[in-house]
Amino acid sequence: MSNRIIMKTGEALVEGDEDYLCAEPEIIIGELDGPVGNAFAGMLANQVKGHTRVFAILNSDVQVRPATLMVSKVTVTSNRYTNILMGSVQAGIAHGVLDAVREGIIPKEKANDLGIIYSVWLDPAVLKVRNVDHKALFEVNREATVKVIRKALADEPSIDWLLENQMSVEHYFHQLGVDGKLD
């Protein structure tokens, strides 16, 4: 896969044992000298209160490659939420990006040429959890990151699969009747 990756998209879901242990990333991945790079630079330069964009890092001063820009789907309003998001979740995402390179999902030779815009979900209910399982939160986000990158770069689900399974896939919040119309 040494061809240019202009722009690929992906979505994934990984759930843990507790309700707050859920990761549902949505990503855009592509060459930094293309539309993804333009969006990446614009998002980093134009910060939004409550949805600050930050790099996925292993720790301060150790940014991962491909450069990954995290954007929270939830408006961040508390220090505790920020600490969990920029701690266990960010670390899980950073490790997941490197796992995807190590597994060959992202070609190693492309690591400096690609950018990932990563829309991250951290359930706000985590604020009500007295003893957050940070190890599990880390692992769920790590797994979800590898999964979403794999799906994006493999164009999954394929259009053929979607057309074949359209009527059998049930949306969590909506149910289709036998005739394909909302009940």
N, C-alpha and C. Protein backbone atom coordinates (compact mmCIF):
# COMPACT_ATOMS: atom_id res chain seq x y z
N MET A 1 0.84 -1.18 0.00
CA MET A 1 0.00 0.00 0.00
C MET A 1 0.89 1.25 0.00
N SER A 2 1.83 1.30 -0.93
CA SER A 2 2.69 2.48 -0.98
C SER A 2 2.08 3.58 -1.83
N ASN A 3 0.89 3.36 -2.39
CA ASN A 3 0.19 4.41 -3.13
C ASN A 3 -0.23 5.52 -2.18
N ARG A 4 -0.50 6.67 -2.77
CA ARG A 4 -0.97 7.80 -1.95
C ARG A 4 -2.31 7.47 -1.32
N ILE A 5 -2.45 7.90 -0.10
CA ILE A 5 -3.72 7.77 0.61
C ILE A 5 -4.26 9.19 0.70
N ILE A 6 -5.16 9.55 -0.20
CA ILE A 6 -5.68 10.92 -0.25
C ILE A 6 -6.55 11.18 0.98
N MET A 7 -7.60 10.38 1.14
CA MET A 7 -8.46 10.54 2.32
C MET A 7 -9.31 9.28 2.48
N LYS A 8 -9.20 8.68 3.63
CA LYS A 8 -10.00 7.51 4.00
C LYS A 8 -10.73 7.84 5.29
N THR A 9 -11.89 7.25 5.48
CA THR A 9 -12.65 7.47 6.70
C THR A 9 -12.95 6.13 7.37
N GLY A 10 -13.16 6.19 8.67
CA GLY A 10 -13.49 4.98 9.40
C GLY A 10 -14.25 5.30 10.68
N GLU A 11 -14.98 4.29 11.14
CA GLU A 11 -15.74 4.37 12.38
C GLU A 11 -15.67 3.00 13.02
N ALA A 12 -15.59 2.96 14.33
CA ALA A 12 -15.53 1.68 15.04
C ALA A 12 -16.19 1.82 16.40
N LEU A 13 -16.48 0.69 16.99
CA LEU A 13 -17.03 0.65 18.34
C LEU A 13 -16.38 -0.51 19.08
N VAL A 14 -15.87 -0.21 20.27
CA VAL A 14 -15.36 -1.24 21.17
C VAL A 14 -15.93 -0.94 22.54
N GLU A 15 -16.56 -1.94 23.14
CA GLU A 15 -17.19 -1.76 24.44
C GLU A 15 -16.46 -2.59 25.49
N GLY A 16 -16.38 -2.04 26.69
CA GLY A 16 -15.80 -2.75 27.81
C GLY A 16 -16.88 -3.31 28.70
N ASP A 17 -16.49 -3.73 29.91
CA ASP A 17 -17.42 -4.38 30.84
C ASP A 17 -18.39 -3.40 31.50
N GLU A 18 -18.00 -2.15 31.62
CA GLU A 18 -18.87 -1.14 32.24
C GLU A 18 -19.36 -0.18 31.16
N ASP A 19 -20.49 0.47 31.40
CA ASP A 19 -21.07 1.37 30.40
C ASP A 19 -20.11 2.48 29.97
N TYR A 20 -19.33 3.03 30.89
CA TYR A 20 -18.45 4.14 30.55
C TYR A 20 -17.21 3.68 29.78
N LEU A 21 -16.98 2.37 29.73
CA LEU A 21 -15.83 1.81 29.03
C LEU A 21 -16.21 1.51 27.58
N CYS A 22 -16.38 2.56 26.83
CA CYS A 22 -16.80 2.45 25.44
C CYS A 22 -15.98 3.43 24.63
N ALA A 23 -15.48 2.97 23.50
CA ALA A 23 -14.76 3.87 22.58
C ALA A 23 -15.45 3.78 21.23
N GLU A 24 -15.76 4.93 20.67
CA GLU A 24 -16.43 4.97 19.36
C GLU A 24 -15.76 6.04 18.49
N PRO A 25 -14.53 5.75 18.05
CA PRO A 25 -13.82 6.74 17.26
C PRO A 25 -14.33 6.84 15.83
N GLU A 26 -14.18 8.01 15.28
CA GLU A 26 -14.39 8.27 13.86
C GLU A 26 -13.13 8.98 13.40
N ILE A 27 -12.57 8.52 12.29
CA ILE A 27 -11.32 9.11 11.83
C ILE A 27 -11.37 9.49 10.36
N ILE A 28 -10.50 10.42 10.03
CA ILE A 28 -10.12 10.71 8.66
C ILE A 28 -8.61 10.55 8.64
N ILE A 29 -8.11 9.81 7.66
CA ILE A 29 -6.67 9.59 7.53
C ILE A 29 -6.26 9.86 6.09
N GLY A 30 -5.14 10.54 5.94
CA GLY A 30 -4.66 10.81 4.59
C GLY A 30 -3.33 11.54 4.61
N GLU A 31 -2.83 11.80 3.41
CA GLU A 31 -1.55 12.47 3.23
C GLU A 31 -1.61 13.89 3.81
N LEU A 32 -0.53 14.28 4.46
CA LEU A 32 -0.47 15.63 5.04
C LEU A 32 -0.33 16.72 3.99
N ASP A 33 0.05 16.36 2.76
CA ASP A 33 0.14 17.36 1.70
C ASP A 33 -1.12 17.39 0.83
N GLY A 34 -2.23 16.90 1.38
CA GLY A 34 -3.51 16.88 0.67
C GLY A 34 -4.61 17.47 1.53
N PRO A 35 -5.87 17.11 1.23
CA PRO A 35 -7.00 17.67 1.97
C PRO A 35 -6.99 17.37 3.46
N VAL A 36 -6.49 16.21 3.85
CA VAL A 36 -6.43 15.89 5.28
C VAL A 36 -5.43 16.81 5.98
N GLY A 37 -4.30 17.04 5.34
CA GLY A 37 -3.31 17.95 5.91
C GLY A 37 -3.83 19.36 6.04
N ASN A 38 -4.58 19.82 5.04
CA ASN A 38 -5.18 21.16 5.12
C ASN A 38 -6.16 21.25 6.28
N ALA A 39 -7.02 20.24 6.42
CA ALA A 39 -7.97 20.23 7.53
C ALA A 39 -7.24 20.14 8.86
N PHE A 40 -6.23 19.30 8.92
CA PHE A 40 -5.42 19.08 10.11
C PHE A 40 -4.83 20.41 10.60
N ALA A 41 -4.17 21.13 9.69
CA ALA A 41 -3.53 22.41 10.05
C ALA A 41 -4.58 23.43 10.47
N GLY A 42 -5.69 23.49 9.75
CA GLY A 42 -6.75 24.44 10.10
C GLY A 42 -7.35 24.16 11.46
N MET A 43 -7.56 22.89 11.76
CA MET A 43 -8.14 22.53 13.05
C MET A 43 -7.18 22.85 14.19
N LEU A 44 -5.90 22.58 13.99
CA LEU A 44 -4.92 22.85 15.04
C LEU A 44 -4.78 24.36 15.27
N ALA A 45 -4.84 25.13 14.21
CA ALA A 45 -4.67 26.58 14.31
C ALA A 45 -5.92 27.29 14.84
N ASN A 46 -7.08 26.68 14.66
CA ASN A 46 -8.35 27.30 15.06
C ASN A 46 -9.00 26.50 16.17
N GLN A 47 -8.48 26.64 17.36
CA GLN A 47 -8.99 25.90 18.52
C GLN A 47 -10.39 26.37 18.89
N VAL A 48 -11.18 25.45 19.46
CA VAL A 48 -12.55 25.72 19.87
C VAL A 48 -12.69 25.39 21.35
N LYS A 49 -13.16 26.35 22.12
CA LYS A 49 -13.33 26.13 23.56
C LYS A 49 -14.24 24.92 23.80
N GLY A 50 -13.78 24.03 24.65
CA GLY A 50 -14.54 22.83 24.98
C GLY A 50 -14.28 21.67 24.05
N HIS A 51 -13.63 21.93 22.91
CA HIS A 51 -13.30 20.89 21.94
C HIS A 51 -11.86 21.10 21.46
N THR A 52 -10.97 21.33 22.39
CA THR A 52 -9.57 21.59 22.09
C THR A 52 -8.98 20.42 21.30
N ARG A 53 -8.21 20.75 20.30
CA ARG A 53 -7.56 19.73 19.48
C ARG A 53 -6.13 19.55 19.98
N VAL A 54 -5.76 18.31 20.27
CA VAL A 54 -4.42 18.02 20.79
C VAL A 54 -3.86 16.81 20.06
N PHE A 55 -2.53 16.73 20.02
CA PHE A 55 -1.87 15.58 19.43
C PHE A 55 -1.98 14.37 20.37
N ALA A 56 -2.08 13.20 19.78
CA ALA A 56 -1.95 11.97 20.56
C ALA A 56 -0.47 11.81 20.88
N ILE A 57 -0.19 11.66 22.16
CA ILE A 57 1.20 11.57 22.62
C ILE A 57 1.36 10.38 23.56
N LEU A 58 2.57 9.83 23.58
CA LEU A 58 2.88 8.81 24.58
C LEU A 58 3.08 9.46 25.93
N ASN A 59 3.65 10.66 25.92
CA ASN A 59 3.84 11.49 27.10
C ASN A 59 4.28 12.85 26.58
N SER A 60 4.30 13.83 27.42
CA SER A 60 4.75 15.15 26.99
C SER A 60 6.10 15.00 26.30
N ASP A 61 6.22 15.65 25.16
CA ASP A 61 7.44 15.66 24.37
C ASP A 61 7.64 14.39 23.54
N VAL A 62 6.60 13.53 23.44
CA VAL A 62 6.71 12.29 22.66
C VAL A 62 5.44 12.09 21.84
N GLN A 63 5.37 12.81 20.73
CA GLN A 63 4.22 12.71 19.82
C GLN A 63 4.35 11.46 18.96
N VAL A 64 3.23 10.80 18.67
CA VAL A 64 3.27 9.60 17.84
C VAL A 64 3.23 9.97 16.35
N ARG A 65 3.61 9.01 15.54
CA ARG A 65 3.54 9.09 14.09
C ARG A 65 2.74 7.91 13.59
N PRO A 66 1.87 8.11 12.62
CA PRO A 66 1.48 9.35 12.01
C PRO A 66 0.91 10.34 13.03
N ALA A 67 1.14 11.62 12.74
CA ALA A 67 0.60 12.67 13.60
C ALA A 67 -0.91 12.47 13.70
N THR A 68 -1.40 12.47 14.93
CA THR A 68 -2.82 12.20 15.19
C THR A 68 -3.38 13.33 16.02
N LEU A 69 -4.41 13.97 15.48
CA LEU A 69 -5.05 15.10 16.14
C LEU A 69 -6.37 14.63 16.75
N MET A 70 -6.42 14.66 18.08
CA MET A 70 -7.62 14.23 18.80
C MET A 70 -8.58 15.41 18.96
N VAL A 71 -9.88 15.14 18.72
CA VAL A 71 -10.93 16.13 18.91
C VAL A 71 -12.04 15.45 19.70
N SER A 72 -12.44 16.03 20.82
CA SER A 72 -13.48 15.44 21.65
C SER A 72 -14.85 15.65 21.04
N LYS A 73 -15.67 14.58 21.00
CA LYS A 73 -17.06 14.68 20.56
C LYS A 73 -17.92 15.33 21.64
N VAL A 74 -17.44 15.29 22.87
CA VAL A 74 -18.16 15.83 24.01
C VAL A 74 -17.54 17.17 24.39
N THR A 75 -18.36 18.15 24.71
CA THR A 75 -17.84 19.43 25.17
C THR A 75 -17.20 19.23 26.53
N VAL A 76 -15.93 19.54 26.61
CA VAL A 76 -15.15 19.34 27.84
C VAL A 76 -15.35 20.55 28.74
N THR A 77 -15.87 20.29 29.95
CA THR A 77 -16.15 21.41 30.87
C THR A 77 -15.56 21.21 32.26
N SER A 78 -14.96 20.04 32.53
CA SER A 78 -14.44 19.82 33.89
C SER A 78 -13.00 19.34 33.84
N ASN A 79 -12.27 19.66 34.91
CA ASN A 79 -10.88 19.22 35.02
C ASN A 79 -10.77 17.71 35.10
N ARG A 80 -11.70 17.07 35.79
CA ARG A 80 -11.64 15.61 35.93
C ARG A 80 -11.80 14.94 34.57
N TYR A 81 -12.77 15.40 33.79
CA TYR A 81 -12.98 14.86 32.45
C TYR A 81 -11.72 15.08 31.60
N THR A 82 -11.17 16.28 31.66
CA THR A 82 -9.96 16.60 30.90
C THR A 82 -8.82 15.66 31.29
N ASN A 83 -8.64 15.42 32.58
CA ASN A 83 -7.56 14.56 33.05
C ASN A 83 -7.71 13.12 32.56
N ILE A 84 -8.94 12.63 32.52
CA ILE A 84 -9.17 11.26 32.04
C ILE A 84 -8.97 11.21 30.52
N LEU A 85 -9.53 12.19 29.80
CA LEU A 85 -9.40 12.25 28.35
C LEU A 85 -7.94 12.39 27.93
N MET A 86 -7.21 13.28 28.60
CA MET A 86 -5.81 13.53 28.24
C MET A 86 -4.85 12.62 28.98
N GLY A 87 -5.39 11.64 29.67
CA GLY A 87 -4.57 10.65 30.37
C GLY A 87 -4.78 9.28 29.73
N SER A 88 -5.65 8.50 30.32
CA SER A 88 -5.86 7.12 29.87
C SER A 88 -6.32 7.01 28.43
N VAL A 89 -7.23 7.88 28.03
CA VAL A 89 -7.77 7.82 26.66
C VAL A 89 -6.70 8.22 25.65
N GLN A 90 -6.04 9.34 25.89
CA GLN A 90 -5.00 9.80 24.97
C GLN A 90 -3.87 8.77 24.85
N ALA A 91 -3.48 8.19 25.96
CA ALA A 91 -2.42 7.17 25.94
C ALA A 91 -2.87 5.94 25.15
N GLY A 92 -4.11 5.52 25.34
CA GLY A 92 -4.63 4.37 24.59
C GLY A 92 -4.63 4.64 23.09
N ILE A 93 -5.04 5.83 22.71
CA ILE A 93 -5.06 6.21 21.29
C ILE A 93 -3.63 6.22 20.74
N ALA A 94 -2.71 6.84 21.45
CA ALA A 94 -1.32 6.91 20.99
C ALA A 94 -0.73 5.51 20.79
N HIS A 95 -0.96 4.63 21.75
CA HIS A 95 -0.45 3.26 21.62
C HIS A 95 -1.13 2.52 20.47
N GLY A 96 -2.42 2.77 20.28
CA GLY A 96 -3.14 2.14 19.18
C GLY A 96 -2.62 2.56 17.82
N VAL A 97 -2.27 3.84 17.67
CA VAL A 97 -1.70 4.31 16.41
C VAL A 97 -0.39 3.57 16.14
N LEU A 98 0.48 3.47 17.14
CA LEU A 98 1.75 2.77 16.96
C LEU A 98 1.54 1.28 16.73
N ASP A 99 0.53 0.69 17.37
CA ASP A 99 0.20 -0.72 17.12
C ASP A 99 -0.18 -0.93 15.65
N ALA A 100 -0.93 0.03 15.09
CA ALA A 100 -1.35 -0.08 13.69
C ALA A 100 -0.15 -0.02 12.75
N VAL A 101 0.85 0.76 13.10
CA VAL A 101 2.09 0.79 12.30
C VAL A 101 2.83 -0.53 12.48
N ARG A 102 2.97 -0.97 13.72
CA ARG A 102 3.69 -2.21 14.00
C ARG A 102 3.05 -3.40 13.28
N GLU A 103 1.71 -3.43 13.21
CA GLU A 103 1.00 -4.53 12.56
C GLU A 103 1.00 -4.41 11.03
N GLY A 104 1.51 -3.30 10.50
CA GLY A 104 1.55 -3.12 9.06
C GLY A 104 0.26 -2.59 8.47
N ILE A 105 -0.69 -2.24 9.31
CA ILE A 105 -1.95 -1.65 8.82
C ILE A 105 -1.63 -0.30 8.18
N ILE A 106 -0.82 0.48 8.87
CA ILE A 106 -0.25 1.71 8.32
C ILE A 106 1.17 1.37 7.91
N PRO A 107 1.50 1.54 6.63
CA PRO A 107 2.88 1.25 6.21
C PRO A 107 3.87 2.15 6.95
N LYS A 108 4.90 1.54 7.51
CA LYS A 108 5.91 2.28 8.27
C LYS A 108 6.50 3.43 7.46
N GLU A 109 6.71 3.21 6.17
CA GLU A 109 7.29 4.25 5.32
C GLU A 109 6.35 5.44 5.11
N LYS A 110 5.09 5.30 5.50
CA LYS A 110 4.11 6.39 5.38
C LYS A 110 3.91 7.14 6.71
N ALA A 111 4.57 6.71 7.76
CA ALA A 111 4.33 7.26 9.11
C ALA A 111 4.54 8.77 9.20
N ASN A 112 5.44 9.32 8.43
CA ASN A 112 5.68 10.77 8.48
C ASN A 112 4.88 11.54 7.43
N ASP A 113 4.20 10.83 6.55
CA ASP A 113 3.46 11.47 5.47
C ASP A 113 1.96 11.57 5.73
N LEU A 114 1.46 10.78 6.68
CA LEU A 114 0.02 10.72 6.94
C LEU A 114 -0.35 11.52 8.18
N GLY A 115 -1.59 11.95 8.19
CA GLY A 115 -2.18 12.57 9.37
C GLY A 115 -3.50 11.89 9.66
N ILE A 116 -3.86 11.84 10.94
CA ILE A 116 -5.12 11.26 11.36
C ILE A 116 -5.87 12.31 12.17
N ILE A 117 -7.09 12.59 11.77
CA ILE A 117 -7.99 13.42 12.58
C ILE A 117 -8.90 12.44 13.29
N TYR A 118 -8.86 12.44 14.60
CA TYR A 118 -9.46 11.40 15.44
C TYR A 118 -10.54 12.01 16.33
N SER A 119 -11.78 11.75 16.00
CA SER A 119 -12.90 12.21 16.80
C SER A 119 -13.11 11.18 17.92
N VAL A 120 -12.88 11.61 19.15
CA VAL A 120 -12.84 10.69 20.28
C VAL A 120 -14.08 10.85 21.17
N TRP A 121 -14.59 9.71 21.61
CA TRP A 121 -15.74 9.67 22.51
C TRP A 121 -15.29 9.17 23.88
N LEU A 122 -15.54 9.97 24.89
CA LEU A 122 -15.39 9.54 26.28
C LEU A 122 -16.73 9.82 26.94
N ASP A 123 -17.40 8.78 27.36
CA ASP A 123 -18.74 8.90 27.95
C ASP A 123 -18.71 9.87 29.13
N PRO A 124 -19.53 10.92 29.10
CA PRO A 124 -19.58 11.86 30.23
C PRO A 124 -19.97 11.18 31.55
N ALA A 125 -20.59 10.01 31.47
CA ALA A 125 -20.96 9.28 32.68
C ALA A 125 -19.73 8.87 33.49
N VAL A 126 -18.54 8.92 32.87
CA VAL A 126 -17.31 8.59 33.59
C VAL A 126 -17.14 9.50 34.80
N LEU A 127 -17.70 10.69 34.75
CA LEU A 127 -17.58 11.63 35.86
C LEU A 127 -18.32 11.15 37.11
N LYS A 128 -19.29 10.25 36.93
CA LYS A 128 -20.06 9.73 38.06
C LYS A 128 -19.44 8.45 38.64
N VAL A 129 -18.40 7.95 37.99
CA VAL A 129 -17.76 6.71 38.42
C VAL A 129 -16.73 7.04 39.49
N ARG A 130 -16.90 6.41 40.62
CA ARG A 130 -16.01 6.70 41.75
C ARG A 130 -14.58 6.20 41.51
N ASN A 131 -14.47 4.94 41.10
CA ASN A 131 -13.15 4.34 40.87
C ASN A 131 -13.04 3.94 39.40
N VAL A 132 -12.63 4.88 38.58
CA VAL A 132 -12.48 4.63 37.15
C VAL A 132 -11.40 3.58 36.93
N ASP A 133 -11.70 2.62 36.07
CA ASP A 133 -10.73 1.58 35.70
C ASP A 133 -9.89 2.13 34.55
N HIS A 134 -8.80 2.82 34.89
CA HIS A 134 -7.97 3.47 33.88
C HIS A 134 -7.29 2.47 32.95
N LYS A 135 -6.92 1.32 33.48
CA LYS A 135 -6.30 0.29 32.63
C LYS A 135 -7.29 -0.17 31.56
N ALA A 136 -8.53 -0.43 31.94
CA ALA A 136 -9.55 -0.86 30.99
C ALA A 136 -9.87 0.24 29.98
N LEU A 137 -9.93 1.47 30.45
CA LEU A 137 -10.19 2.61 29.56
C LEU A 137 -9.07 2.74 28.53
N PHE A 138 -7.84 2.59 28.98
CA PHE A 138 -6.68 2.60 28.09
C PHE A 138 -6.81 1.50 27.03
N GLU A 139 -7.08 0.28 27.47
CA GLU A 139 -7.14 -0.87 26.56
C GLU A 139 -8.28 -0.75 25.55
N VAL A 140 -9.44 -0.28 25.98
CA VAL A 140 -10.58 -0.12 25.07
C VAL A 140 -10.24 0.90 23.98
N ASN A 141 -9.61 1.99 24.35
CA ASN A 141 -9.25 3.00 23.36
C ASN A 141 -8.11 2.53 22.46
N ARG A 142 -7.19 1.79 23.00
CA ARG A 142 -6.11 1.23 22.19
C ARG A 142 -6.67 0.29 21.13
N GLU A 143 -7.54 -0.62 21.56
CA GLU A 143 -8.16 -1.58 20.64
C GLU A 143 -9.01 -0.87 19.59
N ALA A 144 -9.80 0.10 20.02
CA ALA A 144 -10.66 0.83 19.08
C ALA A 144 -9.85 1.59 18.04
N THR A 145 -8.69 2.10 18.44
CA THR A 145 -7.84 2.84 17.51
C THR A 145 -7.31 1.94 16.41
N VAL A 146 -6.82 0.78 16.77
CA VAL A 146 -6.35 -0.16 15.76
C VAL A 146 -7.50 -0.57 14.85
N LYS A 147 -8.64 -0.84 15.44
CA LYS A 147 -9.81 -1.28 14.67
C LYS A 147 -10.26 -0.21 13.68
N VAL A 148 -10.35 1.05 14.12
CA VAL A 148 -10.85 2.10 13.23
C VAL A 148 -9.86 2.39 12.10
N ILE A 149 -8.56 2.33 12.39
CA ILE A 149 -7.56 2.54 11.35
C ILE A 149 -7.62 1.40 10.33
N ARG A 150 -7.73 0.18 10.82
CA ARG A 150 -7.83 -0.99 9.93
C ARG A 150 -9.05 -0.84 9.01
N LYS A 151 -10.19 -0.49 9.60
CA LYS A 151 -11.41 -0.35 8.80
C LYS A 151 -11.29 0.77 7.78
N ALA A 152 -10.71 1.90 8.18
CA ALA A 152 -10.58 3.04 7.27
C ALA A 152 -9.70 2.68 6.07
N LEU A 153 -8.55 2.09 6.33
CA LEU A 153 -7.62 1.80 5.25
C LEU A 153 -8.04 0.62 4.38
N ALA A 154 -8.96 -0.20 4.88
CA ALA A 154 -9.49 -1.33 4.10
C ALA A 154 -10.84 -0.99 3.47
N ASP A 155 -11.29 0.25 3.63
CA ASP A 155 -12.61 0.67 3.10
C ASP A 155 -13.73 -0.24 3.61
N GLU A 156 -13.71 -0.50 4.91
CA GLU A 156 -14.74 -1.34 5.52
C GLU A 156 -15.73 -0.51 6.32
N PRO A 157 -16.99 -0.88 6.23
CA PRO A 157 -17.54 -1.97 5.44
C PRO A 157 -17.60 -1.59 3.96
N SER A 158 -17.49 -2.59 3.10
CA SER A 158 -17.53 -2.34 1.66
C SER A 158 -18.94 -1.98 1.23
N ILE A 159 -19.06 -1.34 0.10
CA ILE A 159 -20.39 -0.98 -0.41
C ILE A 159 -21.20 -2.24 -0.70
N ASP A 160 -20.56 -3.30 -1.19
CA ASP A 160 -21.30 -4.54 -1.45
C ASP A 160 -21.87 -5.12 -0.16
N TRP A 161 -21.07 -5.13 0.91
CA TRP A 161 -21.56 -5.63 2.20
C TRP A 161 -22.71 -4.77 2.71
N LEU A 162 -22.57 -3.46 2.59
CA LEU A 162 -23.62 -2.55 3.05
C LEU A 162 -24.93 -2.78 2.30
N LEU A 163 -24.85 -2.91 0.99
CA LEU A 163 -26.07 -3.13 0.19
C LEU A 163 -26.70 -4.48 0.52
N GLU A 164 -25.87 -5.48 0.73
CA GLU A 164 -26.38 -6.82 1.04
C GLU A 164 -27.00 -6.89 2.44
N ASN A 165 -26.47 -6.13 3.38
CA ASN A 165 -26.89 -6.23 4.78
C ASN A 165 -27.72 -5.04 5.28
N GLN A 166 -28.05 -4.13 4.41
CA GLN A 166 -28.76 -2.91 4.80
C GLN A 166 -29.99 -3.18 5.65
N MET A 167 -30.78 -4.16 5.29
CA MET A 167 -32.03 -4.39 6.00
C MET A 167 -31.87 -5.25 7.25
N SER A 168 -30.71 -5.86 7.44
CA SER A 168 -30.53 -6.72 8.61
C SER A 168 -29.75 -6.05 9.73
N VAL A 169 -29.12 -4.93 9.45
CA VAL A 169 -28.37 -4.22 10.49
C VAL A 169 -29.33 -3.30 11.24
N GLU A 170 -29.40 -3.48 12.53
CA GLU A 170 -30.31 -2.68 13.35
C GLU A 170 -29.54 -1.55 14.03
N HIS A 171 -30.00 -0.33 13.82
CA HIS A 171 -29.42 0.82 14.51
C HIS A 171 -29.85 0.77 15.96
N TYR A 172 -28.95 1.14 16.85
CA TYR A 172 -29.22 1.06 18.28
C TYR A 172 -30.46 1.86 18.69
N PHE A 173 -30.69 3.01 18.07
CA PHE A 173 -31.78 3.88 18.48
C PHE A 173 -33.02 3.79 17.59
N HIS A 174 -32.93 3.11 16.47
CA HIS A 174 -34.07 3.02 15.54
C HIS A 174 -34.24 1.58 15.09
N GLN A 175 -35.47 1.18 14.91
CA GLN A 175 -35.77 -0.17 14.43
C GLN A 175 -36.53 -0.06 13.12
N LEU A 176 -36.08 -0.80 12.09
CA LEU A 176 -36.80 -0.85 10.82
C LEU A 176 -37.80 -1.98 10.85
N GLY A 177 -38.96 -1.72 10.30
CA GLY A 177 -39.96 -2.78 10.17
C GLY A 177 -39.61 -3.70 9.02
N VAL A 178 -40.42 -4.73 8.81
CA VAL A 178 -40.19 -5.71 7.76
C VAL A 178 -40.15 -5.04 6.38
N ASP A 179 -40.93 -3.98 6.20
CA ASP A 179 -41.00 -3.31 4.90
C ASP A 179 -39.88 -2.27 4.72
N GLY A 180 -38.97 -2.17 5.67
CA GLY A 180 -37.86 -1.24 5.55
C GLY A 180 -38.19 0.18 5.98
N LYS A 181 -39.34 0.36 6.59
CA LYS A 181 -39.74 1.69 7.08
C LYS A 181 -39.65 1.72 8.59
N LEU A 182 -39.42 2.92 9.13
CA LEU A 182 -39.35 3.05 10.59
C LEU A 182 -40.70 2.71 11.21
N ASP A 183 -40.66 1.92 12.27
CA ASP A 183 -41.89 1.59 13.01
C ASP A 183 -42.30 2.75 13.88
